[in-house]
Amino acid sequence: METTVFETRSRELVDDIKEIVKVKGINLTDALEEAGISRKSSDRILNKGVMPTLSEFLALCQISGITFHLPYVETTNSPM
């Protein structure tokens, strides 16, 4: 099966997150479990290179301190 650019980049991001968390001195397995991610799932992500689901990825980002700022548009309450 061919690896896509997105899969490769995802694995690189997870590796970067693991390094950030290591520098901060946080036990990532325990932190993921506190965030509701099972040890089985965290083992697959951290040790076997499985791509995380969106919720797992967002938990990794939150634990490492990475934040997202999504653009938004304010609209009026009147119908268009």
PDB file of N, CA and C in Angstrom:
ATOM      1  N   MET A   1       0.843  -1.182   0.000  1.00  0.00           N
ATOM      2  CA  MET A   1       0.000   0.000   0.000  1.00  0.00           C
ATOM      3  C   MET A   1       0.888   1.246   0.000  1.00  0.00           C
ATOM      4  N   GLU A   2       0.572   2.169  -0.859  1.00  0.00           N
ATOM      5  CA  GLU A   2       1.368   3.382  -0.995  1.00  0.00           C
ATOM      6  C   GLU A   2       1.062   4.369   0.122  1.00  0.00           C
ATOM      7  N   THR A   3       2.108   4.947   0.687  1.00  0.00           N
ATOM      8  CA  THR A   3       1.948   5.954   1.735  1.00  0.00           C
ATOM      9  C   THR A   3       1.771   7.316   1.083  1.00  0.00           C
ATOM     10  N   THR A   4       0.742   8.036   1.499  1.00  0.00           N
ATOM     11  CA  THR A   4       0.505   9.358   0.937  1.00  0.00           C
ATOM     12  C   THR A   4       1.357  10.400   1.656  1.00  0.00           C
ATOM     13  N   VAL A   5       1.427  11.565   1.072  1.00  0.00           N
ATOM     14  CA  VAL A   5       2.158  12.672   1.672  1.00  0.00           C
ATOM     15  C   VAL A   5       1.541  13.024   3.022  1.00  0.00           C
ATOM     16  N   PHE A   6       0.218  12.947   3.107  1.00  0.00           N
ATOM     17  CA  PHE A   6      -0.470  13.296   4.353  1.00  0.00           C
ATOM     18  C   PHE A   6      -0.144  12.303   5.460  1.00  0.00           C
ATOM     19  N   GLU A   7      -0.067  11.027   5.126  1.00  0.00           N
ATOM     20  CA  GLU A   7       0.278  10.016   6.125  1.00  0.00           C
ATOM     21  C   GLU A   7       1.705  10.223   6.623  1.00  0.00           C
ATOM     22  N   THR A   8       2.600  10.513   5.718  1.00  0.00           N
ATOM     23  CA  THR A   8       3.991  10.769   6.094  1.00  0.00           C
ATOM     24  C   THR A   8       4.076  11.988   6.992  1.00  0.00           C
ATOM     25  N   ARG A   9       3.393  13.053   6.625  1.00  0.00           N
ATOM     26  CA  ARG A   9       3.412  14.287   7.427  1.00  0.00           C
ATOM     27  C   ARG A   9       2.762  14.055   8.788  1.00  0.00           C
ATOM     28  N   SER A  10       1.710  13.253   8.825  1.00  0.00           N
ATOM     29  CA  SER A  10       1.053  12.937  10.089  1.00  0.00           C
ATOM     30  C   SER A  10       2.015  12.232  11.032  1.00  0.00           C
ATOM     31  N   ARG A  11       2.740  11.272  10.530  1.00  0.00           N
ATOM     32  CA  ARG A  11       3.707  10.552  11.364  1.00  0.00           C
ATOM     33  C   ARG A  11       4.819  11.484  11.854  1.00  0.00           C
ATOM     34  N   GLU A  12       5.229  12.412  10.983  1.00  0.00           N
ATOM     35  CA  GLU A  12       6.245  13.388  11.385  1.00  0.00           C
ATOM     36  C   GLU A  12       5.707  14.283  12.502  1.00  0.00           C
ATOM     37  N   LEU A  13       4.459  14.706  12.382  1.00  0.00           N
ATOM     38  CA  LEU A  13       3.855  15.552  13.417  1.00  0.00           C
ATOM     39  C   LEU A  13       3.744  14.813  14.744  1.00  0.00           C
ATOM     40  N   VAL A  14       3.353  13.537  14.698  1.00  0.00           N
ATOM     41  CA  VAL A  14       3.260  12.753  15.927  1.00  0.00           C
ATOM     42  C   VAL A  14       4.649  12.625  16.555  1.00  0.00           C
ATOM     43  N   ASP A  15       5.677  12.417  15.741  1.00  0.00           N
ATOM     44  CA  ASP A  15       7.043  12.345  16.269  1.00  0.00           C
ATOM     45  C   ASP A  15       7.456  13.668  16.908  1.00  0.00           C
ATOM     46  N   ASP A  16       7.093  14.784  16.268  1.00  0.00           N
ATOM     47  CA  ASP A  16       7.393  16.105  16.835  1.00  0.00           C
ATOM     48  C   ASP A  16       6.670  16.303  18.160  1.00  0.00           C
ATOM     49  N   ILE A  17       5.415  15.899  18.218  1.00  0.00           N
ATOM     50  CA  ILE A  17       4.632  16.028  19.449  1.00  0.00           C
ATOM     51  C   ILE A  17       5.248  15.179  20.552  1.00  0.00           C
ATOM     52  N   LYS A  18       5.663  13.961  20.216  1.00  0.00           N
ATOM     53  CA  LYS A  18       6.300  13.093  21.208  1.00  0.00           C
ATOM     54  C   LYS A  18       7.558  13.754  21.766  1.00  0.00           C
ATOM     55  N   GLU A  19       8.328  14.417  20.917  1.00  0.00           N
ATOM     56  CA  GLU A  19       9.553  15.092  21.364  1.00  0.00           C
ATOM     57  C   GLU A  19       9.219  16.285  22.265  1.00  0.00           C
ATOM     58  N   ILE A  20       8.199  17.073  21.896  1.00  0.00           N
ATOM     59  CA  ILE A  20       7.777  18.214  22.717  1.00  0.00           C
ATOM     60  C   ILE A  20       7.366  17.749  24.107  1.00  0.00           C
ATOM     61  N   VAL A  21       6.556  16.696  24.153  1.00  0.00           N
ATOM     62  CA  VAL A  21       6.069  16.176  25.427  1.00  0.00           C
ATOM     63  C   VAL A  21       7.218  15.618  26.258  1.00  0.00           C
ATOM     64  N   LYS A  22       8.173  14.978  25.602  1.00  0.00           N
ATOM     65  CA  LYS A  22       9.342  14.435  26.307  1.00  0.00           C
ATOM     66  C   LYS A  22      10.146  15.560  26.953  1.00  0.00           C
ATOM     67  N   VAL A  23      10.347  16.642  26.218  1.00  0.00           N
ATOM     68  CA  VAL A  23      11.093  17.789  26.749  1.00  0.00           C
ATOM     69  C   VAL A  23      10.358  18.408  27.935  1.00  0.00           C
ATOM     70  N   LYS A  24       9.029  18.406  27.881  1.00  0.00           N
ATOM     71  CA  LYS A  24       8.230  18.957  28.982  1.00  0.00           C
ATOM     72  C   LYS A  24       8.190  18.026  30.187  1.00  0.00           C
ATOM     73  N   GLY A  25       8.660  16.787  30.019  1.00  0.00           N
ATOM     74  CA  GLY A  25       8.686  15.840  31.128  1.00  0.00           C
ATOM     75  C   GLY A  25       7.337  15.216  31.439  1.00  0.00           C
ATOM     76  N   ILE A  26       6.472  15.143  30.450  1.00  0.00           N
ATOM     77  CA  ILE A  26       5.146  14.577  30.634  1.00  0.00           C
ATOM     78  C   ILE A  26       5.153  13.125  30.155  1.00  0.00           C
ATOM     79  N   ASN A  27       4.514  12.246  30.929  1.00  0.00           N
ATOM     80  CA  ASN A  27       4.345  10.867  30.494  1.00  0.00           C
ATOM     81  C   ASN A  27       3.166  10.851  29.526  1.00  0.00           C
ATOM     82  N   LEU A  28       3.458  10.690  28.249  1.00  0.00           N
ATOM     83  CA  LEU A  28       2.436  10.819  27.218  1.00  0.00           C
ATOM     84  C   LEU A  28       1.373   9.734  27.311  1.00  0.00           C
ATOM     85  N   THR A  29       1.757   8.521  27.652  1.00  0.00           N
ATOM     86  CA  THR A  29       0.783   7.437  27.778  1.00  0.00           C
ATOM     87  C   THR A  29      -0.227   7.748  28.876  1.00  0.00           C
ATOM     88  N   ASP A  30       0.264   8.218  30.022  1.00  0.00           N
ATOM     89  CA  ASP A  30      -0.629   8.578  31.127  1.00  0.00           C
ATOM     90  C   ASP A  30      -1.505   9.770  30.762  1.00  0.00           C
ATOM     91  N   ALA A  31      -0.916  10.766  30.097  1.00  0.00           N
ATOM     92  CA  ALA A  31      -1.674  11.959  29.710  1.00  0.00           C
ATOM     93  C   ALA A  31      -2.768  11.611  28.704  1.00  0.00           C
ATOM     94  N   LEU A  32      -2.469  10.715  27.778  1.00  0.00           N
ATOM     95  CA  LEU A  32      -3.489  10.291  26.821  1.00  0.00           C
ATOM     96  C   LEU A  32      -4.614   9.533  27.514  1.00  0.00           C
ATOM     97  N   GLU A  33      -4.245   8.711  28.493  1.00  0.00           N
ATOM     98  CA  GLU A  33      -5.264   7.969  29.223  1.00  0.00           C
ATOM     99  C   GLU A  33      -6.178   8.929  29.997  1.00  0.00           C
ATOM    100  N   GLU A  34      -5.594   9.976  30.592  1.00  0.00           N
ATOM    101  CA  GLU A  34      -6.390  10.982  31.291  1.00  0.00           C
ATOM    102  C   GLU A  34      -7.316  11.724  30.324  1.00  0.00           C
ATOM    103  N   ALA A  35      -6.891  11.807  29.048  1.00  0.00           N
ATOM    104  CA  ALA A  35      -7.714  12.475  28.034  1.00  0.00           C
ATOM    105  C   ALA A  35      -8.766  11.540  27.434  1.00  0.00           C
ATOM    106  N   GLY A  36      -8.794  10.290  27.903  1.00  0.00           N
ATOM    107  CA  GLY A  36      -9.811   9.364  27.432  1.00  0.00           C
ATOM    108  C   GLY A  36      -9.364   8.434  26.318  1.00  0.00           C
ATOM    109  N   ILE A  37      -8.071   8.414  26.016  1.00  0.00           N
ATOM    110  CA  ILE A  37      -7.523   7.528  24.978  1.00  0.00           C
ATOM    111  C   ILE A  37      -6.988   6.276  25.672  1.00  0.00           C
ATOM    112  N   SER A  38      -7.436   5.110  25.244  1.00  0.00           N
ATOM    113  CA  SER A  38      -7.034   3.870  25.901  1.00  0.00           C
ATOM    114  C   SER A  38      -5.542   3.605  25.704  1.00  0.00           C
ATOM    115  N   ARG A  39      -4.983   2.820  26.594  1.00  0.00           N
ATOM    116  CA  ARG A  39      -3.557   2.460  26.482  1.00  0.00           C
ATOM    117  C   ARG A  39      -3.293   1.681  25.197  1.00  0.00           C
ATOM    118  N   LYS A  40      -4.253   0.871  24.782  1.00  0.00           N
ATOM    119  CA  LYS A  40      -4.102   0.108  23.544  1.00  0.00           C
ATOM    120  C   LYS A  40      -3.984   1.057  22.350  1.00  0.00           C
ATOM    121  N   SER A  41      -4.849   2.066  22.303  1.00  0.00           N
ATOM    122  CA  SER A  41      -4.803   3.046  21.214  1.00  0.00           C
ATOM    123  C   SER A  41      -3.530   3.878  21.269  1.00  0.00           C
ATOM    124  N   SER A  42      -3.143   4.308  22.463  1.00  0.00           N
ATOM    125  CA  SER A  42      -1.927   5.125  22.573  1.00  0.00           C
ATOM    126  C   SER A  42      -0.693   4.309  22.197  1.00  0.00           C
ATOM    127  N   ASP A  43      -0.683   3.019  22.521  1.00  0.00           N
ATOM    128  CA  ASP A  43       0.439   2.160  22.136  1.00  0.00           C
ATOM    129  C   ASP A  43       0.536   2.037  20.616  1.00  0.00           C
ATOM    130  N   ARG A  44      -0.613   1.892  19.968  1.00  0.00           N
ATOM    131  CA  ARG A  44      -0.604   1.801  18.498  1.00  0.00           C
ATOM    132  C   ARG A  44      -0.069   3.076  17.870  1.00  0.00           C
ATOM    133  N   ILE A  45      -0.459   4.218  18.414  1.00  0.00           N
ATOM    134  CA  ILE A  45      -0.029   5.511  17.860  1.00  0.00           C
ATOM    135  C   ILE A  45       1.444   5.770  18.152  1.00  0.00           C
ATOM    136  N   LEU A  46       1.848   5.576  19.406  1.00  0.00           N
ATOM    137  CA  LEU A  46       3.187   5.964  19.838  1.00  0.00           C
ATOM    138  C   LEU A  46       4.269   4.955  19.463  1.00  0.00           C
ATOM    139  N   ASN A  47       3.932   3.682  19.405  1.00  0.00           N
ATOM    140  CA  ASN A  47       4.959   2.662  19.189  1.00  0.00           C
ATOM    141  C   ASN A  47       4.856   1.927  17.868  1.00  0.00           C
ATOM    142  N   LYS A  48       3.688   1.911  17.270  1.00  0.00           N
ATOM    143  CA  LYS A  48       3.511   1.136  16.039  1.00  0.00           C
ATOM    144  C   LYS A  48       3.292   1.997  14.808  1.00  0.00           C
ATOM    145  N   GLY A  49       3.269   3.299  14.973  1.00  0.00           N
ATOM    146  CA  GLY A  49       3.163   4.200  13.827  1.00  0.00           C
ATOM    147  C   GLY A  49       1.794   4.279  13.184  1.00  0.00           C
ATOM    148  N   VAL A  50       0.749   3.840  13.894  1.00  0.00           N
ATOM    149  CA  VAL A  50      -0.608   3.933  13.363  1.00  0.00           C
ATOM    150  C   VAL A  50      -1.050   5.391  13.395  1.00  0.00           C
ATOM    151  N   MET A  51      -1.717   5.825  12.331  1.00  0.00           N
ATOM    152  CA  MET A  51      -2.188   7.206  12.292  1.00  0.00           C
ATOM    153  C   MET A  51      -3.304   7.409  13.311  1.00  0.00           C
ATOM    154  N   PRO A  52      -3.229   8.478  14.099  1.00  0.00           N
ATOM    155  CA  PRO A  52      -4.281   8.744  15.088  1.00  0.00           C
ATOM    156  C   PRO A  52      -5.564   9.215  14.424  1.00  0.00           C
ATOM    157  N   THR A  53      -6.675   8.973  15.107  1.00  0.00           N
ATOM    158  CA  THR A  53      -7.941   9.546  14.657  1.00  0.00           C
ATOM    159  C   THR A  53      -7.889  11.048  14.938  1.00  0.00           C
ATOM    160  N   LEU A  54      -8.882  11.768  14.465  1.00  0.00           N
ATOM    161  CA  LEU A  54      -8.899  13.215  14.696  1.00  0.00           C
ATOM    162  C   LEU A  54      -8.938  13.530  16.181  1.00  0.00           C
ATOM    163  N   SER A  55      -9.774  12.839  16.935  1.00  0.00           N
ATOM    164  CA  SER A  55      -9.863  13.122  18.374  1.00  0.00           C
ATOM    165  C   SER A  55      -8.559  12.772  19.086  1.00  0.00           C
ATOM    166  N   GLU A  56      -7.904  11.696  18.669  1.00  0.00           N
ATOM    167  CA  GLU A  56      -6.608  11.333  19.265  1.00  0.00           C
ATOM    168  C   GLU A  56      -5.552  12.368  18.919  1.00  0.00           C
ATOM    169  N   PHE A  57      -5.564  12.841  17.668  1.00  0.00           N
ATOM    170  CA  PHE A  57      -4.604  13.854  17.248  1.00  0.00           C
ATOM    171  C   PHE A  57      -4.813  15.156  18.014  1.00  0.00           C
ATOM    172  N   LEU A  58      -6.061  15.553  18.185  1.00  0.00           N
ATOM    173  CA  LEU A  58      -6.345  16.781  18.933  1.00  0.00           C
ATOM    174  C   LEU A  58      -5.929  16.641  20.393  1.00  0.00           C
ATOM    175  N   ALA A  59      -6.094  15.439  20.965  1.00  0.00           N
ATOM    176  CA  ALA A  59      -5.634  15.203  22.342  1.00  0.00           C
ATOM    177  C   ALA A  59      -4.117  15.333  22.412  1.00  0.00           C
ATOM    178  N   LEU A  60      -3.420  14.771  21.432  1.00  0.00           N
ATOM    179  CA  LEU A  60      -1.957  14.906  21.391  1.00  0.00           C
ATOM    180  C   LEU A  60      -1.544  16.371  21.321  1.00  0.00           C
ATOM    181  N   CYS A  61      -2.231  17.126  20.485  1.00  0.00           N
ATOM    182  CA  CYS A  61      -1.923  18.553  20.348  1.00  0.00           C
ATOM    183  C   CYS A  61      -2.173  19.299  21.651  1.00  0.00           C
ATOM    184  N   GLN A  62      -3.296  19.014  22.288  1.00  0.00           N
ATOM    185  CA  GLN A  62      -3.628  19.695  23.541  1.00  0.00           C
ATOM    186  C   GLN A  62      -2.598  19.374  24.617  1.00  0.00           C
ATOM    187  N   ILE A  63      -2.196  18.125  24.724  1.00  0.00           N
ATOM    188  CA  ILE A  63      -1.208  17.718  25.727  1.00  0.00           C
ATOM    189  C   ILE A  63       0.122  18.407  25.481  1.00  0.00           C
ATOM    190  N   SER A  64       0.509  18.542  24.220  1.00  0.00           N
ATOM    191  CA  SER A  64       1.806  19.144  23.899  1.00  0.00           C
ATOM    192  C   SER A  64       1.775  20.664  23.940  1.00  0.00           C
ATOM    193  N   GLY A  65       0.574  21.246  23.951  1.00  0.00           N
ATOM    194  CA  GLY A  65       0.471  22.702  24.000  1.00  0.00           C
ATOM    195  C   GLY A  65       0.290  23.351  22.644  1.00  0.00           C
ATOM    196  N   ILE A  66       0.076  22.550  21.610  1.00  0.00           N
ATOM    197  CA  ILE A  66      -0.160  23.096  20.278  1.00  0.00           C
ATOM    198  C   ILE A  66      -1.607  23.546  20.202  1.00  0.00           C
ATOM    199  N   THR A  67      -1.833  24.780  19.765  1.00  0.00           N
ATOM    200  CA  THR A  67      -3.191  25.300  19.652  1.00  0.00           C
ATOM    201  C   THR A  67      -3.503  25.633  18.197  1.00  0.00           C
ATOM    202  N   PHE A  68      -4.784  25.623  17.893  1.00  0.00           N
ATOM    203  CA  PHE A  68      -5.257  25.963  16.555  1.00  0.00           C
ATOM    204  C   PHE A  68      -6.143  27.182  16.651  1.00  0.00           C
ATOM    205  N   HIS A  69      -6.008  28.060  15.681  1.00  0.00           N
ATOM    206  CA  HIS A  69      -6.874  29.222  15.585  1.00  0.00           C
ATOM    207  C   HIS A  69      -7.577  29.134  14.241  1.00  0.00           C
ATOM    208  N   LEU A  70      -8.839  28.713  14.291  1.00  0.00           N
ATOM    209  CA  LEU A  70      -9.601  28.551  13.071  1.00  0.00           C
ATOM    210  C   LEU A  70     -10.256  29.866  12.684  1.00  0.00           C
ATOM    211  N   PRO A  71     -10.270  30.172  11.385  1.00  0.00           N
ATOM    212  CA  PRO A  71     -10.918  31.409  10.955  1.00  0.00           C
ATOM    213  C   PRO A  71     -12.433  31.293  11.126  1.00  0.00           C
ATOM    214  N   TYR A  72     -13.068  32.420  11.310  1.00  0.00           N
ATOM    215  CA  TYR A  72     -14.521  32.418  11.435  1.00  0.00           C
ATOM    216  C   TYR A  72     -15.073  33.697  10.808  1.00  0.00           C
ATOM    217  N   VAL A  73     -16.334  33.639  10.490  1.00  0.00           N
ATOM    218  CA  VAL A  73     -17.011  34.787   9.907  1.00  0.00           C
ATOM    219  C   VAL A  73     -18.253  35.060  10.738  1.00  0.00           C
ATOM    220  N   GLU A  74     -18.409  36.291  11.175  1.00  0.00           N
ATOM    221  CA  GLU A  74     -19.606  36.656  11.917  1.00  0.00           C
ATOM    222  C   GLU A  74     -20.722  36.995  10.936  1.00  0.00           C
ATOM    223  N   THR A  75     -21.894  36.457  11.208  1.00  0.00           N
ATOM    224  CA  THR A  75     -23.036  36.750  10.344  1.00  0.00           C
ATOM    225  C   THR A  75     -24.144  37.365  11.187  1.00  0.00           C
ATOM    226  N   THR A  76     -25.019  38.073  10.525  1.00  0.00           N
ATOM    227  CA  THR A  76     -26.157  38.683  11.219  1.00  0.00           C
ATOM    228  C   THR A  76     -27.228  37.634  11.460  1.00  0.00           C
ATOM    229  N   ASN A  77     -28.169  37.944  12.331  1.00  0.00           N
ATOM    230  CA  ASN A  77     -29.271  37.028  12.630  1.00  0.00           C
ATOM    231  C   ASN A  77     -30.414  37.127  11.616  1.00  0.00           C
ATOM    232  N   SER A  78     -30.330  38.050  10.685  1.00  0.00           N
ATOM    233  CA  SER A  78     -31.413  38.209   9.717  1.00  0.00           C
ATOM    234  C   SER A  78     -31.277  37.181   8.583  1.00  0.00           C
ATOM    235  N   PRO A  79     -32.414  36.730   8.026  1.00  0.00           N
ATOM    236  CA  PRO A  79     -32.329  35.764   6.934  1.00  0.00           C
ATOM    237  C   PRO A  79     -31.732  36.396   5.689  1.00  0.00           C
ATOM    238  N   MET A  80     -31.117  35.604   4.897  1.00  0.00           N
ATOM    239  CA  MET A  80     -30.475  36.124   3.690  1.00  0.00           C
ATOM    240  C   MET A  80     -31.444  36.204   2.552  1.00  0.00           C
TER     241      MET A  80
END
